[in-house]
C-alpha atoms as a PDB file:
ATOM      1  CA  MET A   1       9.752   5.647  -6.810  1.00  0.00           C
ATOM      2  CA  ASN A   2       7.647   8.190  -4.990  1.00  0.00           C
ATOM      3  CA  VAL A   3       3.845   7.982  -5.409  1.00  0.00           C
ATOM      4  CA  ALA A   4       1.188  10.472  -4.291  1.00  0.00           C
ATOM      5  CA  ILE A   5      -2.087   9.021  -3.015  1.00  0.00           C
ATOM      6  CA  ILE A   6      -4.831  11.913  -3.720  1.00  0.00           C
ATOM      7  CA  ALA A   7      -7.753  11.037  -1.336  1.00  0.00           C
ATOM      8  CA  ALA A   8     -10.703  12.494  -2.955  1.00  0.00           C
ATOM      9  CA  ALA A   9     -13.528  10.016  -2.221  1.00  0.00           C
ATOM     10  CA  GLY A  10     -15.526  12.098  -0.059  1.00  0.00           C
ATOM     11  CA  GLN A  11     -19.330  13.106  -1.152  1.00  0.00           C
ATOM     12  CA  GLY A  12     -18.774  16.978   0.080  1.00  0.00           C
ATOM     13  CA  LYS A  13     -22.256  16.616   2.133  1.00  0.00           C
ATOM     14  CA  ARG A  14     -20.991  19.873   3.774  1.00  0.00           C
ATOM     15  CA  MET A  15     -20.998  21.679   0.476  1.00  0.00           C
ATOM     16  CA  ALA A  16     -24.664  20.606  -0.155  1.00  0.00           C
ATOM     17  CA  GLY A  17     -24.181  20.465  -3.730  1.00  0.00           C
ATOM     18  CA  LYS A  18     -24.864  17.833  -6.484  1.00  0.00           C
ATOM     19  CA  ARG A  19     -21.632  16.752  -7.208  1.00  0.00           C
ATOM     20  CA  PRO A  20     -18.858  15.563  -4.823  1.00  0.00           C
ATOM     21  CA  LYS A  21     -16.838  19.120  -3.796  1.00  0.00           C
ATOM     22  CA  GLN A  22     -13.311  17.994  -5.499  1.00  0.00           C
ATOM     23  CA  PHE A  23     -15.351  18.647  -8.801  1.00  0.00           C
ATOM     24  CA  LEU A  24     -16.520  22.152  -8.155  1.00  0.00           C
ATOM     25  CA  GLU A  25     -14.900  24.454 -10.450  1.00  0.00           C
ATOM     26  CA  LEU A  26     -12.419  27.241  -9.425  1.00  0.00           C
ATOM     27  CA  ALA A  27     -11.754  29.728 -12.394  1.00  0.00           C
ATOM     28  CA  GLY A  28     -13.405  27.085 -14.610  1.00  0.00           C
ATOM     29  CA  THR A  29     -11.479  24.148 -13.679  1.00  0.00           C
ATOM     30  CA  PRO A  30     -12.321  21.388 -11.268  1.00  0.00           C
ATOM     31  CA  ILE A  31     -10.677  21.941  -7.784  1.00  0.00           C
ATOM     32  CA  ILE A  32      -9.252  18.291  -7.999  1.00  0.00           C
ATOM     33  CA  ILE A  33      -7.636  19.141 -11.291  1.00  0.00           C
ATOM     34  CA  HIS A  34      -5.784  22.127  -9.800  1.00  0.00           C
ATOM     35  CA  THR A  35      -4.481  19.673  -7.068  1.00  0.00           C
ATOM     36  CA  LEU A  36      -2.932  17.169  -9.563  1.00  0.00           C
ATOM     37  CA  LYS A  37      -1.531  19.972 -11.417  1.00  0.00           C
ATOM     38  CA  VAL A  38       0.790  20.614  -8.725  1.00  0.00           C
ATOM     39  CA  PHE A  39       1.646  17.131  -8.121  1.00  0.00           C
ATOM     40  CA  GLU A  40       2.161  16.535 -11.765  1.00  0.00           C
ATOM     41  CA  GLN A  41       4.565  19.402 -11.927  1.00  0.00           C
ATOM     42  CA  CYS A  42       6.676  18.301  -9.052  1.00  0.00           C
ATOM     43  CA  ASP A  43       9.602  16.258 -10.239  1.00  0.00           C
ATOM     44  CA  VAL A  44      10.134  14.164  -6.586  1.00  0.00           C
ATOM     45  CA  ILE A  45       6.630  12.573  -7.682  1.00  0.00           C
ATOM     46  CA  HIS A  46       6.700   9.973 -10.360  1.00  0.00           C
ATOM     47  CA  GLU A  47       3.003   8.413 -10.005  1.00  0.00           C
ATOM     48  CA  ILE A  48      -0.349   9.651  -9.051  1.00  0.00           C
ATOM     49  CA  ILE A  49      -3.182   7.304  -7.309  1.00  0.00           C
ATOM     50  CA  THR A  50      -6.263   9.250  -7.230  1.00  0.00           C
ATOM     51  CA  VAL A  51      -9.062   7.597  -4.810  1.00  0.00           C
ATOM     52  CA  LEU A  52     -12.623   8.778  -6.039  1.00  0.00           C
ATOM     53  CA  GLY A  53     -15.762   7.382  -5.547  1.00  0.00           C
ATOM     54  CA  ALA A  54     -16.281   4.438  -8.177  1.00  0.00           C
ATOM     55  CA  GLU A  55     -19.048   5.982  -9.843  1.00  0.00           C
ATOM     56  CA  GLU A  56     -16.688   8.999 -10.724  1.00  0.00           C
ATOM     57  CA  ILE A  57     -13.594   6.934 -12.287  1.00  0.00           C
ATOM     58  CA  GLU A  58     -14.686   6.964 -15.944  1.00  0.00           C
ATOM     59  CA  GLY A  59     -15.213  10.515 -16.045  1.00  0.00           C
ATOM     60  CA  PHE A  60     -11.930  11.593 -13.968  1.00  0.00           C
ATOM     61  CA  LEU A  61     -10.040   9.526 -16.269  1.00  0.00           C
ATOM     62  CA  SER A  62     -11.369  11.476 -19.187  1.00  0.00           C
ATOM     63  CA  LEU A  63     -10.339  15.038 -17.364  1.00  0.00           C
ATOM     64  CA  THR A  64      -6.980  13.773 -16.771  1.00  0.00           C
ATOM     65  CA  ARG A  65      -6.371  13.216 -20.297  1.00  0.00           C
ATOM     66  CA  LYS A  66      -8.014  16.480 -21.384  1.00  0.00           C
ATOM     67  CA  PHE A  67      -5.682  18.578 -18.929  1.00  0.00           C
ATOM     68  CA  GLY A  68      -2.377  16.254 -19.958  1.00  0.00           C
ATOM     69  CA  LEU A  69      -1.958  14.793 -16.537  1.00  0.00           C
ATOM     70  CA  SER A  70       0.148  11.966 -17.349  1.00  0.00           C
ATOM     71  CA  LYS A  71       1.204  10.960 -13.997  1.00  0.00           C
ATOM     72  CA  ALA A  72      -2.431  10.571 -12.839  1.00  0.00           C
ATOM     73  CA  SER A  73      -3.191   7.616 -15.192  1.00  0.00           C
ATOM     74  CA  LYS A  74      -4.635   5.478 -12.181  1.00  0.00           C
ATOM     75  CA  ALA A  75      -7.666   5.839 -10.206  1.00  0.00           C
ATOM     76  CA  VAL A  76      -9.524   3.352  -7.455  1.00  0.00           C
ATOM     77  CA  ALA A  77     -12.509   3.149  -5.763  1.00  0.00           C
ATOM     78  CA  GLY A  78     -12.696   4.645  -2.184  1.00  0.00           C
ATOM     79  CA  GLY A  79     -14.318   3.048   1.029  1.00  0.00           C
ATOM     80  CA  ALA A  80     -16.295   4.123   3.694  1.00  0.00           C
ATOM     81  CA  THR A  81     -14.159   5.899   5.457  1.00  0.00           C
ATOM     82  CA  ARG A  82     -10.764   8.309   4.445  1.00  0.00           C
ATOM     83  CA  ALA A  83      -8.693   5.463   6.211  1.00  0.00           C
ATOM     84  CA  GLU A  84     -10.324   2.968   3.948  1.00  0.00           C
ATOM     85  CA  SER A  85     -10.053   4.975   0.948  1.00  0.00           C
ATOM     86  CA  VAL A  86      -6.496   5.796   1.658  1.00  0.00           C
ATOM     87  CA  PHE A  87      -5.677   1.898   2.025  1.00  0.00           C
ATOM     88  CA  ASN A  88      -7.424   0.903  -1.028  1.00  0.00           C
ATOM     89  CA  GLY A  89      -5.029   3.366  -2.502  1.00  0.00           C
ATOM     90  CA  LEU A  90      -2.235   2.024  -0.793  1.00  0.00           C
ATOM     91  CA  LYS A  91      -3.065  -1.641  -2.093  1.00  0.00           C
ATOM     92  CA  ALA A  92      -3.096  -0.420  -5.625  1.00  0.00           C
ATOM     93  CA  LEU A  93       0.840   0.380  -5.277  1.00  0.00           C
ATOM     94  CA  ASP A  94       3.580  -2.259  -5.954  1.00  0.00           C
ATOM     95  CA  ALA A  95       5.684  -2.661  -2.509  1.00  0.00           C
ATOM     96  CA  GLN A  96       8.371  -3.354  -4.312  1.00  0.00           C
ATOM     97  CA  GLN A  97       8.720  -0.434  -6.459  1.00  0.00           C
ATOM     98  CA  VAL A  98       7.450   2.298  -3.956  1.00  0.00           C
ATOM     99  CA  GLU A  99       9.847   4.321  -1.585  1.00  0.00           C
ATOM    100  CA  ILE A 100       7.876   7.110  -0.299  1.00  0.00           C
ATOM    101  CA  VAL A 101       4.048   7.618  -0.318  1.00  0.00           C
ATOM    102  CA  ALA A 102       2.745  11.167  -0.068  1.00  0.00           C
ATOM    103  CA  VAL A 103      -1.172  11.290   1.200  1.00  0.00           C
ATOM    104  CA  HIS A 104      -2.928  14.206  -0.198  1.00  0.00           C
ATOM    105  CA  ASP A 105      -6.470  15.737   0.222  1.00  0.00           C
ATOM    106  CA  GLY A 106      -7.914  16.377  -3.192  1.00  0.00           C
ATOM    107  CA  VAL A 107      -9.575  19.461  -1.990  1.00  0.00           C
ATOM    108  CA  ARG A 108      -6.272  21.259  -0.809  1.00  0.00           C
ATOM    109  CA  PRO A 109      -5.485  22.732  -4.325  1.00  0.00           C
ATOM    110  CA  PHE A 110      -2.991  25.289  -2.966  1.00  0.00           C
ATOM    111  CA  VAL A 111      -0.055  23.334  -1.836  1.00  0.00           C
ATOM    112  CA  THR A 112       2.898  24.201  -3.663  1.00  0.00           C
ATOM    113  CA  ILE A 113       5.924  22.050  -5.514  1.00  0.00           C
ATOM    114  CA  ASP A 114       8.142  23.260  -2.941  1.00  0.00           C
ATOM    115  CA  GLU A 115       6.174  22.144   0.354  1.00  0.00           C
ATOM    116  CA  ILE A 116       5.881  18.795  -1.704  1.00  0.00           C
ATOM    117  CA  THR A 117       9.347  18.188  -2.157  1.00  0.00           C
ATOM    118  CA  ARG A 118      10.507  19.296   1.183  1.00  0.00           C
ATOM    119  CA  THR A 119       8.058  16.828   2.838  1.00  0.00           C
ATOM    120  CA  VAL A 120       9.113  14.183   0.620  1.00  0.00           C
ATOM    121  CA  GLU A 121      12.846  14.602   1.297  1.00  0.00           C
ATOM    122  CA  ALA A 122      12.203  14.671   5.080  1.00  0.00           C
ATOM    123  CA  ALA A 123      10.178  11.407   4.717  1.00  0.00           C
ATOM    124  CA  LYS A 124      13.030   9.783   2.970  1.00  0.00           C
ATOM    125  CA  LEU A 125      15.693  11.074   5.900  1.00  0.00           C
ATOM    126  CA  GLY A 126      13.062  10.011   8.828  1.00  0.00           C
ATOM    127  CA  GLY A 127      10.464   7.815   7.548  1.00  0.00           C
ATOM    128  CA  ALA A 128       7.609  10.115   8.359  1.00  0.00           C
ATOM    129  CA  ALA A 129       7.166  13.699   7.762  1.00  0.00           C
ATOM    130  CA  ILE A 130       4.187  15.881   7.581  1.00  0.00           C
ATOM    131  CA  LEU A 131       3.613  19.446   6.193  1.00  0.00           C
ATOM    132  CA  VAL A 132       2.051  21.822   9.100  1.00  0.00           C
ATOM    133  CA  SER A 133       1.361  25.555   9.674  1.00  0.00           C
ATOM    134  CA  ALA A 134       1.745  27.563  12.758  1.00  0.00           C
ATOM    135  CA  GLU A 135      -1.215  28.249  14.999  1.00  0.00           C
ATOM    136  CA  VAL A 136      -1.827  32.256  14.993  1.00  0.00           C
ATOM    137  CA  ASP A 137      -4.807  32.368  17.399  1.00  0.00           C
ATOM    138  CA  THR A 138      -5.222  31.647  21.113  1.00  0.00           C
ATOM    139  CA  VAL A 139      -6.512  28.125  21.813  1.00  0.00           C
ATOM    140  CA  LYS A 140      -8.313  27.459  24.916  1.00  0.00           C
ATOM    141  CA  GLN A 141      -8.704  23.943  26.386  1.00  0.00           C
ATOM    142  CA  VAL A 142     -12.522  23.350  27.745  1.00  0.00           C
ATOM    143  CA  SER A 143     -14.722  20.997  29.416  1.00  0.00           C
ATOM    144  CA  GLY A 144     -18.229  21.440  28.846  1.00  0.00           C
ATOM    145  CA  ASN A 145     -18.518  25.384  28.150  1.00  0.00           C
ATOM    146  CA  VAL A 146     -15.565  25.803  30.925  1.00  0.00           C
ATOM    147  CA  VAL A 147     -12.130  26.999  29.914  1.00  0.00           C
ATOM    148  CA  VAL A 148      -9.716  24.858  31.980  1.00  0.00           C
ATOM    149  CA  ASP A 149      -6.335  26.009  30.196  1.00  0.00           C
ATOM    150  CA  THR A 150      -4.922  28.158  27.435  1.00  0.00           C
ATOM    151  CA  LEU A 151      -2.522  26.131  25.399  1.00  0.00           C
ATOM    152  CA  ASP A 152       0.742  27.218  24.429  1.00  0.00           C
ATOM    153  CA  ARG A 153       0.422  28.156  20.668  1.00  0.00           C
ATOM    154  CA  SER A 154       4.226  28.261  20.028  1.00  0.00           C
ATOM    155  CA  LYS A 155       3.979  24.502  20.806  1.00  0.00           C
ATOM    156  CA  LEU A 156       0.650  23.912  18.469  1.00  0.00           C
ATOM    157  CA  ARG A 157       0.476  23.204  14.712  1.00  0.00           C
ATOM    158  CA  HIS A 158      -2.243  22.652  12.000  1.00  0.00           C
ATOM    159  CA  ALA A 159      -1.762  19.026  10.341  1.00  0.00           C
ATOM    160  CA  LEU A 160      -1.880  19.628   6.413  1.00  0.00           C
ATOM    161  CA  THR A 161      -1.188  17.546   3.583  1.00  0.00           C
ATOM    162  CA  PRO A 162       0.909  16.116   1.968  1.00  0.00           C
ATOM    163  CA  GLN A 163       1.732  13.532   4.797  1.00  0.00           C
ATOM    164  CA  CYS A 164       4.773  11.245   3.631  1.00  0.00           C
ATOM    165  CA  PHE A 165       6.185   8.216   4.871  1.00  0.00           C
ATOM    166  CA  SER A 166       8.208   4.991   3.806  1.00  0.00           C
ATOM    167  CA  TYR A 167       5.950   2.599   2.108  1.00  0.00           C
ATOM    168  CA  GLU A 168       6.511  -0.105   4.598  1.00  0.00           C
ATOM    169  CA  LEU A 169       5.938   2.181   7.842  1.00  0.00           C
ATOM    170  CA  LEU A 170       2.389   3.341   6.147  1.00  0.00           C
ATOM    171  CA  ALA A 171       1.206  -0.121   5.313  1.00  0.00           C
ATOM    172  CA  ARG A 172       2.376  -1.242   8.555  1.00  0.00           C
ATOM    173  CA  ALA A 173       0.517   1.598  10.318  1.00  0.00           C
ATOM    174  CA  TYR A 174      -2.721   0.885   8.270  1.00  0.00           C
ATOM    175  CA  ARG A 175      -2.365  -3.113   8.947  1.00  0.00           C
ATOM    176  CA  SER A 176      -2.578  -2.138  12.813  1.00  0.00           C
ATOM    177  CA  VAL A 177      -6.114  -0.226  12.753  1.00  0.00           C
ATOM    178  CA  ASP A 178      -9.622  -0.610  12.137  1.00  0.00           C
ATOM    179  CA  VAL A 179      -9.760   1.417   8.765  1.00  0.00           C
ATOM    180  CA  LEU A 180     -13.483   1.437   9.096  1.00  0.00           C
ATOM    181  CA  ASP A 181     -13.062   3.859  12.131  1.00  0.00           C
ATOM    182  CA  PRO A 182     -14.245   7.409  11.086  1.00  0.00           C
ATOM    183  CA  ALA A 183     -11.809   8.932  14.071  1.00  0.00           C
ATOM    184  CA  LEU A 184      -9.049   8.029  12.153  1.00  0.00           C
ATOM    185  CA  THR A 185      -8.595  11.157  10.088  1.00  0.00           C
ATOM    186  CA  ASP A 186      -5.049  11.616   8.994  1.00  0.00           C
ATOM    187  CA  GLU A 187      -2.219   9.291   8.449  1.00  0.00           C
ATOM    188  CA  SER A 188       0.327  10.618  11.301  1.00  0.00           C
ATOM    189  CA  SER A 189      -1.794   9.570  13.688  1.00  0.00           C
ATOM    190  CA  LEU A 190      -1.828   5.955  12.547  1.00  0.00           C
ATOM    191  CA  VAL A 191       2.170   6.239  12.502  1.00  0.00           C
ATOM    192  CA  GLU A 192       2.328   7.744  16.086  1.00  0.00           C
ATOM    193  CA  ARG A 193       0.193   5.122  17.550  1.00  0.00           C
ATOM    194  CA  LEU A 194       3.009   2.453  16.559  1.00  0.00           C
ATOM    195  CA  GLY A 195       5.374   4.785  18.498  1.00  0.00           C
ATOM    196  CA  GLU A 196       7.352   6.057  15.426  1.00  0.00           C
ATOM    197  CA  LYS A 197       8.609   9.548  15.144  1.00  0.00           C
ATOM    198  CA  VAL A 198       6.982  11.837  12.686  1.00  0.00           C
ATOM    199  CA  VAL A 199       8.740  15.382  11.624  1.00  0.00           C
ATOM    200  CA  THR A 200       7.117  18.063  10.789  1.00  0.00           C
ATOM    201  CA  VAL A 201       7.781  20.479   7.867  1.00  0.00           C
ATOM    202  CA  GLU A 202       6.670  24.237   7.880  1.00  0.00           C
ATOM    203  CA  GLY A 203       4.365  25.134   5.548  1.00  0.00           C
ATOM    204  CA  ASN A 204       1.795  28.165   4.422  1.00  0.00           C
ATOM    205  CA  SER A 205      -1.915  28.376   5.988  1.00  0.00           C
ATOM    206  CA  ARG A 206      -2.886  29.207   2.452  1.00  0.00           C
ATOM    207  CA  ASN A 207      -3.039  25.450   1.926  1.00  0.00           C
ATOM    208  CA  ILE A 208      -6.392  25.152   2.886  1.00  0.00           C
ATOM    209  CA  LYS A 209      -8.832  22.306   2.559  1.00  0.00           C
ATOM    210  CA  ILE A 210     -12.011  23.475   0.904  1.00  0.00           C
ATOM    211  CA  THR A 211     -14.912  21.922   2.604  1.00  0.00           C
ATOM    212  CA  GLN A 212     -17.687  24.458   2.938  1.00  0.00           C
ATOM    213  CA  ALA A 213     -19.220  26.752   0.723  1.00  0.00           C
ATOM    214  CA  GLU A 214     -17.436  29.940   2.187  1.00  0.00           C
ATOM    215  CA  ASP A 215     -14.086  28.003   1.392  1.00  0.00           C
ATOM    216  CA  LEU A 216     -14.752  28.566  -2.166  1.00  0.00           C
ATOM    217  CA  VAL A 217     -14.455  32.476  -1.662  1.00  0.00           C
ATOM    218  CA  ILE A 218     -11.471  32.269   0.136  1.00  0.00           C
ATOM    219  CA  ALA A 219     -10.035  29.868  -2.400  1.00  0.00           C
ATOM    220  CA  GLU A 220     -10.933  32.198  -5.655  1.00  0.00           C
ATOM    221  CA  ALA A 221      -9.018  35.050  -3.521  1.00  0.00           C
ATOM    222  CA  ILE A 222      -5.877  32.684  -2.887  1.00  0.00           C
ATOM    223  CA  LEU A 223      -6.357  31.826  -6.402  1.00  0.00           C
ATOM    224  CA  LYS A 224      -5.993  35.456  -7.782  1.00  0.00           C
ATOM    225  CA  GLU A 225      -3.309  35.815  -5.510  1.00  0.00           C
ATOM    226  CA  PHE A 226      -1.295  32.755  -7.106  1.00  0.00           C
ATOM    227  CA  SER A 227      -2.180  33.937 -10.458  1.00  0.00           C
ATOM    228  CA  SER A 228      -0.595  37.304  -9.946  1.00  0.00           C
ATOM    229  CA  GLN A 229       2.656  36.225  -8.888  1.00  0.00           C
END
């Protein structure tokens, strides 16, 4: 069985809104529901664990029933950091039943079924795989306010989600770190610390993470593009 852990316990402080950003609406539907619909429709995902603020769980489960999201029937409370939140989701899984765990940001609603599928399949082969997109801008390494190097962008990638791992490998990675460390911002970095190889799967830069108010404008434009296809 392959399980998706959807990390959606953030408070969205950069949005300066009354509700967490994952519950803001795109075309009349909460962002988190747009995200979950893709995983619901993806055949390689069999169950979805959503990690939320404890106070949001009851209302969220009502939403999943409203939108007919049968795979997303379980939600757990998040922690003080992203790492602790994902670890809480991981601990809610049955270690004997789960093969691949796909960790995805709840506010990345434009991931595609194909991207999820390819990343899960790559993790089945190698144990660890993450979705990435190419760097299109020139990137400078700086010290203070002085440029010290221009990096070769052909060797650079933006880390996206989902990030997919065998259950055993991801559990081992989480047991090796302090999950309260706010510097742990993605799962790949934890697995890399173990010396394990993480392969990359090319994705699309449209798979944006909605974190600021201006991102909503971009998201509306992307949604219109998706709807017209």
